[in-house]
Amino acid sequence: MTQRQELTHLVDAAYLKGQQPKFDNFRTQLLQFSKELSNGDDELKIMLGLRTALLQADLSLTIKNRIAGLPTEYRAIYDFIMPQLKKADAKTLDSYGKYGFIPLKLGSTVSYF
């Protein structure tokens, strides 16, 4: 199974299994990410978008608990994309992100290094 196929499978599974009402906005984003993967869009850009969306999925949690507090199907996506992003060249990531930071809602940022 290729990386794109596995990521598509994880996104689709998370969309189907994650039925909690507080994650409705995130589920809508998952649908969009699935469409982008199916259309052949850039995987790195999609993974960066997924990571940002996952970190913003439940803003009631502290930064340290944002991923641990998510349902298991959402954490599986995060666990899959983080090693892939760490392998990517820093210059490539900088061309997609803002100097190594992920802007979050309400003006805060999270460093991904």
C-alpha atoms as a PDB file:
ATOM      1  CA  MET A   1       0.000   0.000   0.000  1.00  0.00           C
ATOM      2  CA  THR A   2       1.431   3.389  -0.952  1.00  0.00           C
ATOM      3  CA  GLN A   3       1.682   6.315   1.420  1.00  0.00           C
ATOM      4  CA  ARG A   4      -1.173   8.138  -0.361  1.00  0.00           C
ATOM      5  CA  GLN A   5      -3.427   5.073  -0.193  1.00  0.00           C
ATOM      6  CA  GLU A   6      -2.721   4.548   3.490  1.00  0.00           C
ATOM      7  CA  LEU A   7      -3.376   8.214   4.277  1.00  0.00           C
ATOM      8  CA  THR A   8      -6.616   8.094   2.265  1.00  0.00           C
ATOM      9  CA  HIS A   9      -7.664   4.977   4.159  1.00  0.00           C
ATOM     10  CA  LEU A  10      -6.942   6.618   7.535  1.00  0.00           C
ATOM     11  CA  VAL A  11      -8.825   9.809   6.609  1.00  0.00           C
ATOM     12  CA  ASP A  12     -11.831   7.886   5.311  1.00  0.00           C
ATOM     13  CA  ALA A  13     -11.916   5.632   8.385  1.00  0.00           C
ATOM     14  CA  ALA A  14     -11.713   8.652  10.692  1.00  0.00           C
ATOM     15  CA  TYR A  15     -14.539  10.342   8.806  1.00  0.00           C
ATOM     16  CA  LEU A  16     -16.784   7.290   9.061  1.00  0.00           C
ATOM     17  CA  LYS A  17     -15.999   6.348  12.678  1.00  0.00           C
ATOM     18  CA  GLY A  18     -15.718   9.792  14.266  1.00  0.00           C
ATOM     19  CA  GLN A  19     -19.328  10.679  15.027  1.00  0.00           C
ATOM     20  CA  GLN A  20     -18.937  12.945  18.072  1.00  0.00           C
ATOM     21  CA  PRO A  21     -20.829  16.245  17.611  1.00  0.00           C
ATOM     22  CA  LYS A  22     -17.980  18.388  18.965  1.00  0.00           C
ATOM     23  CA  PHE A  23     -15.825  17.276  16.014  1.00  0.00           C
ATOM     24  CA  ASP A  24     -18.345  18.160  13.261  1.00  0.00           C
ATOM     25  CA  ASN A  25     -16.142  20.944  11.871  1.00  0.00           C
ATOM     26  CA  PHE A  26     -13.151  18.621  11.787  1.00  0.00           C
ATOM     27  CA  ARG A  27     -15.207  15.911  10.048  1.00  0.00           C
ATOM     28  CA  THR A  28     -16.094  18.447   7.349  1.00  0.00           C
ATOM     29  CA  GLN A  29     -12.386  19.177   6.915  1.00  0.00           C
ATOM     30  CA  LEU A  30     -11.658  15.439   6.681  1.00  0.00           C
ATOM     31  CA  LEU A  31     -14.079  15.201   3.783  1.00  0.00           C
ATOM     32  CA  GLN A  32     -12.214  18.000   1.999  1.00  0.00           C
ATOM     33  CA  PHE A  33      -8.825  16.354   2.670  1.00  0.00           C
ATOM     34  CA  SER A  34     -10.176  13.081   1.267  1.00  0.00           C
ATOM     35  CA  LYS A  35     -11.267  14.860  -1.911  1.00  0.00           C
ATOM     36  CA  GLU A  36      -7.843  16.483  -2.244  1.00  0.00           C
ATOM     37  CA  LEU A  37      -6.130  13.109  -1.855  1.00  0.00           C
ATOM     38  CA  SER A  38      -8.420  11.596  -4.481  1.00  0.00           C
ATOM     39  CA  ASN A  39      -7.716  14.474  -6.873  1.00  0.00           C
ATOM     40  CA  GLY A  40      -3.966  13.875  -6.654  1.00  0.00           C
ATOM     41  CA  ASP A  41      -3.083  17.075  -4.787  1.00  0.00           C
ATOM     42  CA  ASP A  42       0.310  17.424  -3.116  1.00  0.00           C
ATOM     43  CA  GLU A  43       0.573  14.968  -0.202  1.00  0.00           C
ATOM     44  CA  LEU A  44       2.898  17.160   1.830  1.00  0.00           C
ATOM     45  CA  LYS A  45       0.498  20.088   1.653  1.00  0.00           C
ATOM     46  CA  ILE A  46      -2.382  17.819   2.685  1.00  0.00           C
ATOM     47  CA  MET A  47      -0.403  16.372   5.612  1.00  0.00           C
ATOM     48  CA  LEU A  48       0.463  19.867   6.839  1.00  0.00           C
ATOM     49  CA  GLY A  49      -3.201  20.834   6.613  1.00  0.00           C
ATOM     50  CA  LEU A  50      -4.233  17.685   8.456  1.00  0.00           C
ATOM     51  CA  ARG A  51      -1.766  18.344  11.246  1.00  0.00           C
ATOM     52  CA  THR A  52      -3.053  21.892  11.663  1.00  0.00           C
ATOM     53  CA  ALA A  53      -6.666  20.696  11.637  1.00  0.00           C
ATOM     54  CA  LEU A  54      -5.901  17.980  14.200  1.00  0.00           C
ATOM     55  CA  LEU A  55      -4.254  20.474  16.535  1.00  0.00           C
ATOM     56  CA  GLN A  56      -7.328  22.694  16.263  1.00  0.00           C
ATOM     57  CA  ALA A  57      -9.932  19.925  16.483  1.00  0.00           C
ATOM     58  CA  ASP A  58     -10.521  20.345  20.229  1.00  0.00           C
ATOM     59  CA  LEU A  59      -9.415  23.742  21.480  1.00  0.00           C
ATOM     60  CA  SER A  60     -10.718  22.988  24.984  1.00  0.00           C
ATOM     61  CA  LEU A  61      -7.631  20.811  25.583  1.00  0.00           C
ATOM     62  CA  THR A  62      -4.214  22.191  26.483  1.00  0.00           C
ATOM     63  CA  ILE A  63      -1.526  22.138  23.800  1.00  0.00           C
ATOM     64  CA  LYS A  64       0.211  19.129  25.386  1.00  0.00           C
ATOM     65  CA  ASN A  65      -3.048  17.146  25.461  1.00  0.00           C
ATOM     66  CA  ARG A  66      -4.469  18.130  22.071  1.00  0.00           C
ATOM     67  CA  ILE A  67      -3.526  14.889  20.319  1.00  0.00           C
ATOM     68  CA  ALA A  68      -3.821  12.556  23.319  1.00  0.00           C
ATOM     69  CA  GLY A  69      -7.372  13.798  23.934  1.00  0.00           C
ATOM     70  CA  LEU A  70      -8.573  13.014  20.432  1.00  0.00           C
ATOM     71  CA  PRO A  71     -10.455   9.841  19.467  1.00  0.00           C
ATOM     72  CA  THR A  72      -8.184   6.964  18.404  1.00  0.00           C
ATOM     73  CA  GLU A  73      -9.064   7.229  14.694  1.00  0.00           C
ATOM     74  CA  TYR A  74      -7.907  10.886  14.681  1.00  0.00           C
ATOM     75  CA  ARG A  75      -4.729  10.073  16.624  1.00  0.00           C
ATOM     76  CA  ALA A  76      -3.939   7.383  14.044  1.00  0.00           C
ATOM     77  CA  ILE A  77      -3.827  10.057  11.339  1.00  0.00           C
ATOM     78  CA  TYR A  78      -1.486  12.191  13.459  1.00  0.00           C
ATOM     79  CA  ASP A  79       0.751   9.217  14.249  1.00  0.00           C
ATOM     80  CA  PHE A  80       1.006   8.439  10.527  1.00  0.00           C
ATOM     81  CA  ILE A  81       1.745  11.955   9.253  1.00  0.00           C
ATOM     82  CA  MET A  82       4.247  13.141  11.872  1.00  0.00           C
ATOM     83  CA  PRO A  83       7.084  10.751  10.887  1.00  0.00           C
ATOM     84  CA  GLN A  84       6.449  11.654   7.234  1.00  0.00           C
ATOM     85  CA  LEU A  85       6.716  15.371   7.996  1.00  0.00           C
ATOM     86  CA  LYS A  86       9.867  14.859  10.052  1.00  0.00           C
ATOM     87  CA  LYS A  87      11.475  13.123   7.057  1.00  0.00           C
ATOM     88  CA  ALA A  88      10.692  16.023   4.746  1.00  0.00           C
ATOM     89  CA  ASP A  89      13.369  18.608   4.161  1.00  0.00           C
ATOM     90  CA  ALA A  90      13.031  21.714   6.368  1.00  0.00           C
ATOM     91  CA  LYS A  91      13.249  24.019   3.341  1.00  0.00           C
ATOM     92  CA  THR A  92      10.358  22.212   1.718  1.00  0.00           C
ATOM     93  CA  LEU A  93       8.265  22.510   4.872  1.00  0.00           C
ATOM     94  CA  ASP A  94       9.082  26.216   5.127  1.00  0.00           C
ATOM     95  CA  SER A  95       7.732  26.748   1.634  1.00  0.00           C
ATOM     96  CA  TYR A  96       4.377  25.379   2.827  1.00  0.00           C
ATOM     97  CA  GLY A  97       4.260  26.776   6.371  1.00  0.00           C
ATOM     98  CA  LYS A  98       5.095  30.031   8.046  1.00  0.00           C
ATOM     99  CA  TYR A  99       8.707  29.706   9.219  1.00  0.00           C
ATOM    100  CA  GLY A 100       8.138  26.437  11.053  1.00  0.00           C
ATOM    101  CA  PHE A 101       5.013  27.410  12.953  1.00  0.00           C
ATOM    102  CA  ILE A 102       1.402  26.374  12.636  1.00  0.00           C
ATOM    103  CA  PRO A 103      -0.985  29.273  13.150  1.00  0.00           C
ATOM    104  CA  LEU A 104      -3.876  28.289  15.391  1.00  0.00           C
ATOM    105  CA  LYS A 105      -7.204  29.941  15.980  1.00  0.00           C
ATOM    106  CA  LEU A 106      -7.180  32.880  18.378  1.00  0.00           C
ATOM    107  CA  GLY A 107      -3.688  33.934  17.319  1.00  0.00           C
ATOM    108  CA  SER A 108      -1.533  31.320  19.051  1.00  0.00           C
ATOM    109  CA  THR A 109       1.106  29.204  17.299  1.00  0.00           C
ATOM    110  CA  VAL A 110       2.679  25.783  17.756  1.00  0.00           C
ATOM    111  CA  SER A 111       6.204  24.977  16.634  1.00  0.00           C
ATOM    112  CA  TYR A 112       6.507  21.671  14.792  1.00  0.00           C
ATOM    113  CA  PHE A 113      10.210  21.221  15.430  1.00  0.00           C
END
